[in-house]
């Protein structure tokens, strides 16, 4: 790891000159220059002082850059068919995340399984058709272009209430599929 280069990037992000950083750390501008050019290495104590002046700490400074994947294509999706319902997990391994988006298609008359009360929230956007959200003892109609949102503290299910296929994006937090 090039410590000097990383310190320089942090300093520039804060719009600090080498002299300003040096003053904050009671070091010389020449030392900061040597450090940024990897001509010298700081002691742990000096590095901690520099990082504190740059608004970070050792743990954050040495943390590896995040290689988390951001974009997914259809080849990454996982699909499951059951009882007139097609579930398509559009983010692989989403159950390890805070929320889980699923693309759901219900054939005419089909329903999701009744889900018992649990912690969390659920949101959906209807892409095609009409659905009926059963939430406890209440029922709510939702059609193409509309959204739904509820806390999952009551038993709930979604039914296709139209004649054709209903398609909706369903996002649960925490993941429960």
Protein backbone atom coordinates (compact mmCIF):
# COMPACT_ATOMS: atom_id res chain seq x y z
CA UNK A 1 0.00 0.00 0.00
CA UNK A 2 1.28 3.44 -0.86
CA UNK A 3 0.64 5.33 2.34
CA UNK A 4 1.94 8.63 0.98
CA UNK A 5 -0.30 8.59 -2.07
CA UNK A 6 -3.35 7.85 0.06
CA UNK A 7 -2.49 10.67 2.49
CA UNK A 8 -2.11 13.06 -0.46
CA UNK A 9 -5.54 12.06 -1.84
CA UNK A 10 -7.16 12.66 1.56
CA UNK A 11 -5.38 16.02 1.93
CA UNK A 12 -6.48 17.16 -1.51
CA UNK A 13 -10.08 16.08 -0.84
CA UNK A 14 -10.06 18.51 2.09
CA UNK A 15 -8.42 21.25 -0.03
CA UNK A 16 -5.48 21.47 2.34
CA UNK A 17 -1.98 22.48 1.30
CA UNK A 18 1.00 20.49 2.54
CA UNK A 19 1.85 23.44 4.79
CA UNK A 20 -1.66 23.50 6.31
CA UNK A 21 -1.56 19.76 7.04
CA UNK A 22 1.94 20.11 8.50
CA UNK A 23 0.79 22.94 10.79
CA UNK A 24 -2.15 20.90 12.04
CA UNK A 25 0.17 18.01 12.92
CA UNK A 26 3.13 20.07 14.19
CA UNK A 27 5.31 18.69 11.38
CA UNK A 28 7.24 20.38 8.59
CA UNK A 29 6.00 20.89 5.05
CA UNK A 30 9.12 19.05 3.85
CA UNK A 31 8.23 16.00 5.94
CA UNK A 32 4.69 15.93 4.50
CA UNK A 33 6.18 16.19 0.99
CA UNK A 34 8.59 13.31 1.66
CA UNK A 35 5.77 11.27 3.15
CA UNK A 36 3.45 11.84 0.19
CA UNK A 37 6.21 10.84 -2.22
CA UNK A 38 6.91 7.67 -0.20
CA UNK A 39 10.46 8.83 0.59
CA UNK A 40 9.89 8.28 4.30
CA UNK A 41 7.52 6.29 6.52
CA UNK A 42 5.76 7.74 9.55
CA UNK A 43 5.71 6.20 12.99
CA UNK A 44 2.32 4.87 14.09
CA UNK A 45 1.93 7.86 16.43
CA UNK A 46 2.70 10.36 13.64
CA UNK A 47 0.39 8.55 11.21
CA UNK A 48 -2.41 8.66 13.79
CA UNK A 49 -1.87 12.44 14.20
CA UNK A 50 -1.96 12.98 10.42
CA UNK A 51 -5.06 10.85 9.98
CA UNK A 52 -6.80 12.66 12.83
CA UNK A 53 -6.06 15.98 11.08
CA UNK A 54 -7.51 14.47 7.90
CA UNK A 55 -10.69 13.39 9.70
CA UNK A 56 -10.12 9.65 9.65
CA UNK A 57 -8.48 6.89 11.69
CA UNK A 58 -6.21 3.89 11.20
CA UNK A 59 -9.05 1.40 10.69
CA UNK A 60 -10.71 3.48 7.97
CA UNK A 61 -7.38 4.38 6.35
CA UNK A 62 -6.28 0.76 5.97
CA UNK A 63 -9.69 -0.61 5.05
CA UNK A 64 -9.62 -2.17 1.61
CA UNK A 65 -11.44 -0.33 -1.14
CA UNK A 66 -14.99 -1.54 -1.52
CA UNK A 67 -15.40 -3.94 -4.43
CA UNK A 68 -19.11 -4.32 -3.80
CA UNK A 69 -20.96 -5.02 -6.99
CA UNK A 70 -23.48 -2.37 -8.00
CA UNK A 71 -24.96 -3.40 -11.37
CA UNK A 72 -26.63 -6.74 -12.11
CA UNK A 73 -27.92 -8.20 -15.36
CA UNK A 74 -30.58 -10.75 -16.17
CA UNK A 75 -27.98 -13.52 -16.16
CA UNK A 76 -27.53 -12.86 -12.41
CA UNK A 77 -31.24 -13.22 -11.58
CA UNK A 78 -32.59 -16.32 -9.84
CA UNK A 79 -36.05 -17.52 -10.82
CA UNK A 80 -38.54 -19.82 -9.11
CA UNK A 81 -41.99 -20.95 -10.32
CA UNK A 82 -44.74 -22.24 -8.05
CA UNK A 83 -48.56 -22.31 -8.08
CA UNK A 84 -49.10 -19.70 -10.80
CA UNK A 85 -46.42 -17.42 -9.36
CA UNK A 86 -42.99 -16.58 -10.74
CA UNK A 87 -40.49 -15.05 -8.32
CA UNK A 88 -37.38 -13.45 -9.75
CA UNK A 89 -34.68 -12.37 -7.29
CA UNK A 90 -33.08 -9.50 -9.18
CA UNK A 91 -30.18 -8.96 -6.76
CA UNK A 92 -28.22 -12.17 -6.07
CA UNK A 93 -27.71 -13.00 -2.39
CA UNK A 94 -29.89 -10.06 -1.35
CA UNK A 95 -30.84 -11.87 1.85
CA UNK A 96 -27.51 -10.64 3.28
CA UNK A 97 -28.52 -7.02 2.58
CA UNK A 98 -30.91 -4.66 4.36
CA UNK A 99 -33.61 -5.11 1.72
CA UNK A 100 -34.56 -7.70 -0.86
CA UNK A 101 -36.09 -6.73 -4.21
CA UNK A 102 -38.06 -9.43 -6.02
CA UNK A 103 -39.89 -9.21 -9.34
CA UNK A 104 -43.17 -11.11 -8.97
CA UNK A 105 -45.57 -12.34 -11.66
CA UNK A 106 -48.94 -13.78 -10.68
CA UNK A 107 -51.16 -15.54 -13.18
CA UNK A 108 -54.85 -14.66 -13.08
CA UNK A 109 -56.30 -15.92 -9.77
CA UNK A 110 -52.88 -16.73 -8.27
CA UNK A 111 -51.66 -15.47 -4.90
CA UNK A 112 -48.50 -15.25 -2.89
CA UNK A 113 -48.37 -17.45 0.18
CA UNK A 114 -49.88 -16.00 3.34
CA UNK A 115 -47.01 -14.45 5.24
CA UNK A 116 -47.30 -14.30 9.01
CA UNK A 117 -46.54 -11.11 10.94
CA UNK A 118 -42.86 -10.34 11.17
CA UNK A 119 -40.56 -7.42 11.77
CA UNK A 120 -39.97 -5.14 8.80
CA UNK A 121 -41.58 -3.23 5.98
CA UNK A 122 -42.66 -4.06 2.44
CA UNK A 123 -42.97 -1.87 -0.62
CA UNK A 124 -44.17 -2.62 -4.13
CA UNK A 125 -44.68 -1.03 -7.52
CA UNK A 126 -47.24 -2.58 -9.87
CA UNK A 127 -45.83 -2.88 -13.39
CA UNK A 128 -48.76 -4.73 -15.01
CA UNK A 129 -52.29 -5.73 -14.06
CA UNK A 130 -54.22 -5.41 -10.80
CA UNK A 131 -53.50 -6.86 -7.40
CA UNK A 132 -55.22 -7.00 -4.04
CA UNK A 133 -53.10 -6.67 -0.91
CA UNK A 134 -54.55 -8.55 2.03
CA UNK A 135 -53.19 -7.01 5.21
CA UNK A 136 -54.69 -8.48 8.36
CA UNK A 137 -58.47 -8.17 7.94
CA UNK A 138 -58.21 -5.37 5.35
CA UNK A 139 -57.90 -5.57 1.57
CA UNK A 140 -56.43 -2.90 -0.69
CA UNK A 141 -56.66 -2.67 -4.50
CA UNK A 142 -53.55 -1.60 -6.38
CA UNK A 143 -53.16 -1.35 -10.17
CA UNK A 144 -50.51 -0.66 -12.80
CA UNK A 145 -48.54 2.49 -12.00
CA UNK A 146 -49.49 2.48 -8.31
CA UNK A 147 -47.36 1.59 -5.31
CA UNK A 148 -48.02 -0.05 -1.96
CA UNK A 149 -46.24 0.14 1.36
CA UNK A 150 -46.93 -1.42 4.75
CA UNK A 151 -45.31 -2.62 7.93
CA UNK A 152 -45.31 -6.40 8.05
CA UNK A 153 -46.74 -6.66 11.57
CA UNK A 154 -49.97 -8.30 10.32
CA UNK A 155 -50.47 -11.43 8.24
CA UNK A 156 -50.33 -10.49 4.56
CA UNK A 157 -50.64 -11.86 1.04
CA UNK A 158 -51.01 -10.49 -2.46
CA UNK A 159 -53.60 -11.75 -4.94
CA UNK A 160 -53.95 -11.15 -8.67
CA UNK A 161 -57.37 -9.53 -8.90
CA UNK A 162 -57.35 -9.00 -12.67
CA UNK A 163 -57.89 -11.19 -15.72
CA UNK A 164 -54.32 -11.12 -17.06
CA UNK A 165 -50.93 -11.56 -15.47
CA UNK A 166 -50.03 -9.15 -12.69
CA UNK A 167 -46.40 -8.10 -12.39
CA UNK A 168 -44.90 -6.07 -9.55
CA UNK A 169 -41.61 -5.20 -7.96
CA UNK A 170 -41.71 -6.21 -4.29
CA UNK A 171 -39.09 -5.00 -1.83
CA UNK A 172 -38.91 -6.36 1.70
CA UNK A 173 -36.79 -5.23 4.59
CA UNK A 174 -35.39 -7.18 6.22
CA UNK A 175 -35.19 -9.89 3.56
CA UNK A 176 -37.63 -12.72 4.17
CA UNK A 177 -37.91 -14.77 0.95
